[in-house]
PDB file of all heavy atoms in Angstrom:
ATOM      1  N   SER A   1      24.084  39.131 -51.463  1.00  0.00           N
ATOM      2  CA  SER A   1      24.596  40.428 -51.066  1.00  0.00           C
ATOM      3  C   SER A   1      23.802  41.604 -51.717  1.00  0.00           C
ATOM      4  O   SER A   1      23.534  42.677 -51.048  1.00  0.00           O
ATOM      5  CB  SER A   1      26.096  40.570 -51.418  1.00  0.00           C
ATOM      6  OG  SER A   1      26.332  40.525 -52.811  1.00  0.00           O
ATOM      7  N   ARG A   2      23.432  41.442 -52.971  1.00  0.00           N
ATOM      8  CA  ARG A   2      22.651  42.504 -53.632  1.00  0.00           C
ATOM      9  C   ARG A   2      21.178  42.590 -53.019  1.00  0.00           C
ATOM     10  O   ARG A   2      20.678  43.654 -52.766  1.00  0.00           O
ATOM     11  CB  ARG A   2      22.517  42.171 -55.105  1.00  0.00           C
ATOM     12  CG  ARG A   2      23.767  42.278 -55.898  1.00  0.00           C
ATOM     13  CD  ARG A   2      23.591  41.692 -57.293  1.00  0.00           C
ATOM     14  NE  ARG A   2      24.808  41.862 -58.080  1.00  0.00           N
ATOM     15  CZ  ARG A   2      25.902  41.044 -58.048  1.00  0.00           C
ATOM     16  NH1 ARG A   2      25.939  40.096 -57.168  1.00  0.00           N
ATOM     17  NH2 ARG A   2      26.943  41.242 -58.792  1.00  0.00           N
ATOM     18  N   ALA A   3      20.629  41.419 -52.720  1.00  0.00           N
ATOM     19  CA  ALA A   3      19.284  41.398 -52.071  1.00  0.00           C
ATOM     20  C   ALA A   3      19.383  42.016 -50.694  1.00  0.00           C
ATOM     21  O   ALA A   3      18.537  42.777 -50.315  1.00  0.00           O
ATOM     22  CB  ALA A   3      18.787  39.933 -51.975  1.00  0.00           C
ATOM     23  N   ASP A   4      20.416  41.739 -49.944  1.00  0.00           N
ATOM     24  CA  ASP A   4      20.539  42.392 -48.603  1.00  0.00           C
ATOM     25  C   ASP A   4      20.689  43.845 -48.730  1.00  0.00           C
ATOM     26  O   ASP A   4      20.038  44.655 -47.947  1.00  0.00           O
ATOM     27  CB  ASP A   4      21.766  41.771 -47.902  1.00  0.00           C
ATOM     28  CG  ASP A   4      21.635  40.441 -47.437  1.00  0.00           C
ATOM     29  OD1 ASP A   4      20.479  39.930 -47.371  1.00  0.00           O
ATOM     30  OD2 ASP A   4      22.633  39.768 -47.051  1.00  0.00           O
ATOM     31  N   ALA A   5      21.415  44.429 -49.689  1.00  0.00           N
ATOM     32  CA  ALA A   5      21.589  45.806 -49.869  1.00  0.00           C
ATOM     33  C   ALA A   5      20.272  46.428 -50.208  1.00  0.00           C
ATOM     34  O   ALA A   5      19.872  47.524 -49.734  1.00  0.00           O
ATOM     35  CB  ALA A   5      22.643  46.104 -50.911  1.00  0.00           C
ATOM     36  N   ILE A   6      19.502  45.804 -51.114  1.00  0.00           N
ATOM     37  CA  ILE A   6      18.222  46.336 -51.467  1.00  0.00           C
ATOM     38  C   ILE A   6      17.250  46.294 -50.317  1.00  0.00           C
ATOM     39  O   ILE A   6      16.485  47.322 -50.126  1.00  0.00           O
ATOM     40  CB  ILE A   6      17.620  45.516 -52.665  1.00  0.00           C
ATOM     41  CG1 ILE A   6      18.456  45.691 -53.937  1.00  0.00           C
ATOM     42  CG2 ILE A   6      16.140  45.845 -52.936  1.00  0.00           C
ATOM     43  CD1 ILE A   6      18.208  44.704 -55.078  1.00  0.00           C
ATOM     44  N   ARG A   7      17.221  45.205 -49.510  1.00  0.00           N
ATOM     45  CA  ARG A   7      16.347  45.193 -48.381  1.00  0.00           C
ATOM     46  C   ARG A   7      16.675  46.296 -47.390  1.00  0.00           C
ATOM     47  O   ARG A   7      15.838  46.960 -46.902  1.00  0.00           O
ATOM     48  CB  ARG A   7      16.573  43.797 -47.697  1.00  0.00           C
ATOM     49  CG  ARG A   7      15.628  43.607 -46.477  1.00  0.00           C
ATOM     50  CD  ARG A   7      15.926  42.270 -45.790  1.00  0.00           C
ATOM     51  NE  ARG A   7      15.646  41.131 -46.749  1.00  0.00           N
ATOM     52  CZ  ARG A   7      16.557  40.343 -47.333  1.00  0.00           C
ATOM     53  NH1 ARG A   7      17.890  40.664 -47.090  1.00  0.00           N
ATOM     54  NH2 ARG A   7      16.249  39.375 -48.103  1.00  0.00           N
ATOM     55  N   ASP A   8      18.060  46.538 -47.105  1.00  0.00           N
ATOM     56  CA  ASP A   8      18.401  47.599 -46.180  1.00  0.00           C
ATOM     57  C   ASP A   8      18.006  48.902 -46.717  1.00  0.00           C
ATOM     58  O   ASP A   8      17.531  49.806 -45.968  1.00  0.00           O
ATOM     59  CB  ASP A   8      19.864  47.575 -45.973  1.00  0.00           C
ATOM     60  CG  ASP A   8      20.341  46.319 -45.129  1.00  0.00           C
ATOM     61  OD1 ASP A   8      19.455  45.660 -44.533  1.00  0.00           O
ATOM     62  OD2 ASP A   8      21.581  46.023 -45.162  1.00  0.00           O
ATOM     63  N   ALA A   9      18.130  49.108 -48.030  1.00  0.00           N
ATOM     64  CA  ALA A   9      17.667  50.393 -48.598  1.00  0.00           C
ATOM     65  C   ALA A   9      16.212  50.655 -48.524  1.00  0.00           C
ATOM     66  O   ALA A   9      15.744  51.710 -48.170  1.00  0.00           O
ATOM     67  CB  ALA A   9      18.114  50.478 -50.128  1.00  0.00           C
ATOM     68  N   LEU A  10      15.440  49.593 -48.739  1.00  0.00           N
ATOM     69  CA  LEU A  10      14.030  49.698 -48.583  1.00  0.00           C
ATOM     70  C   LEU A  10      13.590  49.999 -47.143  1.00  0.00           C
ATOM     71  O   LEU A  10      12.681  50.896 -46.902  1.00  0.00           O
ATOM     72  CB  LEU A  10      13.339  48.352 -49.026  1.00  0.00           C
ATOM     73  CG  LEU A  10      13.393  48.080 -50.630  1.00  0.00           C
ATOM     74  CD1 LEU A  10      12.779  46.677 -50.825  1.00  0.00           C
ATOM     75  CD2 LEU A  10      12.587  49.105 -51.373  1.00  0.00           C
ATOM     76  N   ARG A  11      14.258  49.371 -46.262  1.00  0.00           N
ATOM     77  CA  ARG A  11      13.941  49.611 -44.803  1.00  0.00           C
ATOM     78  C   ARG A  11      14.284  51.102 -44.431  1.00  0.00           C
ATOM     79  O   ARG A  11      13.596  51.695 -43.590  1.00  0.00           O
ATOM     80  CB  ARG A  11      14.758  48.642 -43.877  1.00  0.00           C
ATOM     81  CG  ARG A  11      14.469  47.111 -44.158  1.00  0.00           C
ATOM     82  CD  ARG A  11      13.021  46.819 -43.920  1.00  0.00           C
ATOM     83  NE  ARG A  11      12.785  45.368 -44.007  1.00  0.00           N
ATOM     84  CZ  ARG A  11      12.282  44.860 -45.159  1.00  0.00           C
ATOM     85  NH1 ARG A  11      12.096  45.649 -46.259  1.00  0.00           N
ATOM     86  NH2 ARG A  11      12.179  43.557 -45.319  1.00  0.00           N
ATOM     87  N   MET A  12      15.406  51.587 -45.001  1.00  0.00           N
ATOM     88  CA  MET A  12      15.752  52.966 -44.764  1.00  0.00           C
ATOM     89  C   MET A  12      14.650  53.862 -45.261  1.00  0.00           C
ATOM     90  O   MET A  12      14.523  55.079 -44.713  1.00  0.00           O
ATOM     91  CB  MET A  12      17.092  53.268 -45.457  1.00  0.00           C
ATOM     92  CG  MET A  12      18.261  52.651 -44.827  1.00  0.00           C
ATOM     93  SD  MET A  12      19.767  52.723 -45.795  1.00  0.00           S
ATOM     94  CE  MET A  12      20.130  54.458 -45.763  1.00  0.00           C
ATOM     95  N   GLU A  13      13.945  53.504 -46.183  1.00  0.00           N
ATOM     96  CA  GLU A  13      12.799  54.330 -46.787  1.00  0.00           C
ATOM     97  C   GLU A  13      11.489  53.894 -46.207  1.00  0.00           C
ATOM     98  O   GLU A  13      10.430  54.400 -46.723  1.00  0.00           O
ATOM     99  CB  GLU A  13      12.786  54.264 -48.267  1.00  0.00           C
ATOM    100  CG  GLU A  13      14.026  54.864 -48.938  1.00  0.00           C
ATOM    101  CD  GLU A  13      13.985  54.789 -50.470  1.00  0.00           C
ATOM    102  OE1 GLU A  13      13.942  53.728 -51.021  1.00  0.00           O
ATOM    103  OE2 GLU A  13      13.981  55.871 -50.987  1.00  0.00           O
ATOM    104  N   GLY A  14      11.471  53.086 -45.173  1.00  0.00           N
ATOM    105  CA  GLY A  14      10.226  52.723 -44.571  1.00  0.00           C
ATOM    106  C   GLY A  14       9.420  51.667 -45.257  1.00  0.00           C
ATOM    107  O   GLY A  14       8.283  51.389 -44.852  1.00  0.00           O
ATOM    108  N   CYS A  15      10.008  50.935 -46.154  1.00  0.00           N
ATOM    109  CA  CYS A  15       9.366  49.844 -46.876  1.00  0.00           C
ATOM    110  C   CYS A  15       9.705  48.539 -46.244  1.00  0.00           C
ATOM    111  O   CYS A  15      10.886  48.201 -46.067  1.00  0.00           O
ATOM    112  CB  CYS A  15       9.709  49.901 -48.350  1.00  0.00           C
ATOM    113  SG  CYS A  15       8.985  48.530 -49.297  1.00  0.00           S
ATOM    114  N   THR A  16       8.727  47.689 -45.884  1.00  0.00           N
ATOM    115  CA  THR A  16       9.005  46.420 -45.289  1.00  0.00           C
ATOM    116  C   THR A  16       8.736  45.225 -46.151  1.00  0.00           C
ATOM    117  O   THR A  16       8.530  44.058 -45.652  1.00  0.00           O
ATOM    118  CB  THR A  16       8.143  46.336 -43.988  1.00  0.00           C
ATOM    119  OG1 THR A  16       6.743  46.397 -44.318  1.00  0.00           O
ATOM    120  CG2 THR A  16       8.542  47.426 -43.008  1.00  0.00           C
ATOM    121  N   GLU A  17       8.545  45.489 -47.456  1.00  0.00           N
ATOM    122  CA  GLU A  17       8.217  44.447 -48.432  1.00  0.00           C
ATOM    123  C   GLU A  17       9.346  43.368 -48.462  1.00  0.00           C
ATOM    124  O   GLU A  17      10.584  43.696 -48.273  1.00  0.00           O
ATOM    125  CB  GLU A  17       7.882  44.985 -49.755  1.00  0.00           C
ATOM    126  CG  GLU A  17       6.645  45.801 -49.804  1.00  0.00           C
ATOM    127  CD  GLU A  17       6.468  46.657 -51.080  1.00  0.00           C
ATOM    128  OE1 GLU A  17       7.342  46.819 -51.762  1.00  0.00           O
ATOM    129  OE2 GLU A  17       5.320  47.021 -51.223  1.00  0.00           O
ATOM    130  N   ARG A  18       9.030  42.181 -48.728  1.00  0.00           N
ATOM    131  CA  ARG A  18      10.024  41.048 -48.790  1.00  0.00           C
ATOM    132  C   ARG A  18      10.983  41.089 -50.030  1.00  0.00           C
ATOM    133  O   ARG A  18      10.592  41.596 -51.074  1.00  0.00           O
ATOM    134  CB  ARG A  18       9.225  39.729 -48.816  1.00  0.00           C
ATOM    135  CG  ARG A  18      10.026  38.466 -48.600  1.00  0.00           C
ATOM    136  CD  ARG A  18       9.148  37.385 -48.082  1.00  0.00           C
ATOM    137  NE  ARG A  18       8.004  37.079 -48.949  1.00  0.00           N
ATOM    138  CZ  ARG A  18       7.938  36.154 -49.852  1.00  0.00           C
ATOM    139  NH1 ARG A  18       9.072  35.344 -49.981  1.00  0.00           N
ATOM    140  NH2 ARG A  18       6.912  35.950 -50.574  1.00  0.00           N
ATOM    141  N   VAL A  19      12.196  40.675 -49.791  1.00  0.00           N
ATOM    142  CA  VAL A  19      13.172  40.655 -50.826  1.00  0.00           C
ATOM    143  C   VAL A  19      13.629  39.151 -51.054  1.00  0.00           C
ATOM    144  O   VAL A  19      14.002  38.571 -50.048  1.00  0.00           O
ATOM    145  CB  VAL A  19      14.371  41.609 -50.536  1.00  0.00           C
ATOM    146  CG1 VAL A  19      15.409  41.552 -51.718  1.00  0.00           C
ATOM    147  CG2 VAL A  19      13.880  42.994 -50.309  1.00  0.00           C
ATOM    148  N   VAL A  20      13.674  38.677 -52.248  1.00  0.00           N
ATOM    149  CA  VAL A  20      14.067  37.382 -52.530  1.00  0.00           C
ATOM    150  C   VAL A  20      15.399  37.391 -53.323  1.00  0.00           C
ATOM    151  O   VAL A  20      15.506  38.083 -54.349  1.00  0.00           O
ATOM    152  CB  VAL A  20      13.015  36.623 -53.314  1.00  0.00           C
ATOM    153  CG1 VAL A  20      13.561  35.187 -53.742  1.00  0.00           C
ATOM    154  CG2 VAL A  20      11.691  36.442 -52.542  1.00  0.00           C
ATOM    155  N   ALA A  21      16.369  36.505 -52.843  1.00  0.00           N
ATOM    156  CA  ALA A  21      17.639  36.455 -53.582  1.00  0.00           C
ATOM    157  C   ALA A  21      17.676  35.264 -54.430  1.00  0.00           C
ATOM    158  O   ALA A  21      17.429  34.128 -53.936  1.00  0.00           O
ATOM    159  CB  ALA A  21      18.865  36.435 -52.514  1.00  0.00           C
ATOM    160  N   LEU A  22      17.902  35.396 -55.695  1.00  0.00           N
ATOM    161  CA  LEU A  22      17.971  34.267 -56.669  1.00  0.00           C
ATOM    162  C   LEU A  22      19.515  33.878 -56.685  1.00  0.00           C
ATOM    163  O   LEU A  22      20.361  34.651 -56.916  1.00  0.00           O
ATOM    164  CB  LEU A  22      17.492  34.645 -58.067  1.00  0.00           C
ATOM    165  CG  LEU A  22      16.061  35.048 -58.100  1.00  0.00           C
ATOM    166  CD1 LEU A  22      15.706  35.358 -59.553  1.00  0.00           C
ATOM    167  CD2 LEU A  22      15.152  33.925 -57.587  1.00  0.00           C
ATOM    168  N   PRO A  23      19.773  32.589 -56.528  1.00  0.00           N
ATOM    169  CA  PRO A  23      21.154  32.166 -56.190  1.00  0.00           C
ATOM    170  C   PRO A  23      21.916  31.781 -57.452  1.00  0.00           C
ATOM    171  O   PRO A  23      23.238  31.574 -57.369  1.00  0.00           O
ATOM    172  CB  PRO A  23      20.941  30.876 -55.263  1.00  0.00           C
ATOM    173  CG  PRO A  23      19.661  30.312 -55.846  1.00  0.00           C
ATOM    174  CD  PRO A  23      18.829  31.444 -56.300  1.00  0.00           C
ATOM    175  N   ALA A  24      21.309  31.606 -58.675  1.00  0.00           N
ATOM    176  CA  ALA A  24      22.023  30.952 -59.762  1.00  0.00           C
ATOM    177  C   ALA A  24      22.990  31.914 -60.453  1.00  0.00           C
ATOM    178  O   ALA A  24      22.474  32.887 -61.042  1.00  0.00           O
ATOM    179  CB  ALA A  24      20.961  30.347 -60.713  1.00  0.00           C
ATOM    180  N   THR A  25      24.207  31.460 -60.561  1.00  0.00           N
ATOM    181  CA  THR A  25      25.189  32.312 -61.412  1.00  0.00           C
ATOM    182  C   THR A  25      25.204  31.780 -62.846  1.00  0.00           C
ATOM    183  O   THR A  25      26.008  30.907 -63.072  1.00  0.00           O
ATOM    184  CB  THR A  25      26.586  32.126 -60.810  1.00  0.00           C
ATOM    185  OG1 THR A  25      26.543  32.580 -59.460  1.00  0.00           O
ATOM    186  CG2 THR A  25      27.533  33.148 -61.491  1.00  0.00           C
ATOM    187  N   LEU A  26      24.191  32.177 -63.590  1.00  0.00           N
ATOM    188  CA  LEU A  26      23.976  31.531 -64.914  1.00  0.00           C
ATOM    189  C   LEU A  26      24.821  32.163 -65.998  1.00  0.00           C
ATOM    190  O   LEU A  26      24.553  31.812 -67.192  1.00  0.00           O
ATOM    191  CB  LEU A  26      22.466  31.744 -65.207  1.00  0.00           C
ATOM    192  CG  LEU A  26      21.494  30.991 -64.286  1.00  0.00           C
ATOM    193  CD1 LEU A  26      20.080  31.374 -64.555  1.00  0.00           C
ATOM    194  CD2 LEU A  26      21.706  29.532 -64.296  1.00  0.00           C
ATOM    195  N   SER A  27      25.752  32.989 -65.673  1.00  0.00           N
ATOM    196  CA  SER A  27      26.735  33.453 -66.640  1.00  0.00           C
ATOM    197  C   SER A  27      27.802  32.413 -67.024  1.00  0.00           C
ATOM    198  O   SER A  27      28.646  32.718 -67.927  1.00  0.00           O
ATOM    199  CB  SER A  27      27.377  34.775 -66.202  1.00  0.00           C
ATOM    200  OG  SER A  27      27.952  34.623 -64.932  1.00  0.00           O
ATOM    201  N   HIS A  28      27.853  31.314 -66.259  1.00  0.00           N
ATOM    202  CA  HIS A  28      28.725  30.236 -66.687  1.00  0.00           C
ATOM    203  C   HIS A  28      27.990  28.910 -66.391  1.00  0.00           C
ATOM    204  O   HIS A  28      27.084  28.858 -65.610  1.00  0.00           O
ATOM    205  CB  HIS A  28      30.019  30.248 -65.921  1.00  0.00           C
ATOM    206  CG  HIS A  28      29.912  30.018 -64.470  1.00  0.00           C
ATOM    207  ND1 HIS A  28      29.967  30.966 -63.517  1.00  0.00           N
ATOM    208  CD2 HIS A  28      29.802  28.785 -63.785  1.00  0.00           C
ATOM    209  CE1 HIS A  28      29.892  30.428 -62.351  1.00  0.00           C
ATOM    210  NE2 HIS A  28      29.770  29.169 -62.428  1.00  0.00           N
ATOM    211  N   GLY A  29      28.390  27.889 -67.155  1.00  0.00           N
ATOM    212  CA  GLY A  29      27.855  26.532 -67.007  1.00  0.00           C
ATOM    213  C   GLY A  29      26.684  26.297 -67.837  1.00  0.00           C
ATOM    214  O   GLY A  29      26.110  27.198 -68.499  1.00  0.00           O
ATOM    215  N   PRO A  30      26.161  24.981 -67.821  1.00  0.00           N
ATOM    216  CA  PRO A  30      25.034  24.638 -68.658  1.00  0.00           C
ATOM    217  C   PRO A  30      23.788  25.298 -68.241  1.00  0.00           C
ATOM    218  O   PRO A  30      23.513  25.439 -66.971  1.00  0.00           O
ATOM    219  CB  PRO A  30      25.020  23.049 -68.559  1.00  0.00           C
ATOM    220  CG  PRO A  30      25.679  22.849 -67.233  1.00  0.00           C
ATOM    221  CD  PRO A  30      26.764  23.909 -67.093  1.00  0.00           C
ATOM    222  N   ILE A  31      22.862  25.703 -69.114  1.00  0.00           N
ATOM    223  CA  ILE A  31      21.609  26.364 -68.777  1.00  0.00           C
ATOM    224  C   ILE A  31      20.450  25.698 -69.565  1.00  0.00           C
ATOM    225  O   ILE A  31      19.365  26.215 -69.547  1.00  0.00           O
ATOM    226  CB  ILE A  31      21.577  27.866 -69.086  1.00  0.00           C
ATOM    227  CG1 ILE A  31      22.021  28.055 -70.530  1.00  0.00           C
ATOM    228  CG2 ILE A  31      22.584  28.619 -68.102  1.00  0.00           C
ATOM    229  CD1 ILE A  31      21.874  29.569 -70.995  1.00  0.00           C
ATOM    230  N   ASP A  32      20.708  24.582 -70.184  1.00  0.00           N
ATOM    231  CA  ASP A  32      19.589  23.895 -70.913  1.00  0.00           C
ATOM    232  C   ASP A  32      19.426  22.388 -70.465  1.00  0.00           C
ATOM    233  O   ASP A  32      20.053  21.512 -71.016  1.00  0.00           O
ATOM    234  CB  ASP A  32      19.887  23.925 -72.397  1.00  0.00           C
ATOM    235  CG  ASP A  32      18.770  23.433 -73.225  1.00  0.00           C
ATOM    236  OD1 ASP A  32      17.596  23.356 -72.711  1.00  0.00           O
ATOM    237  OD2 ASP A  32      18.929  22.969 -74.352  1.00  0.00           O
TER     238      ASP A  32
END
């Protein structure tokens, strides 16, 4: 959802650069 909002905002400003969404919710669960 954040990546989509950033992409839409960039398009509103005429920027067509690619946006990648990272999926990992690393605020919980094992990370090592």
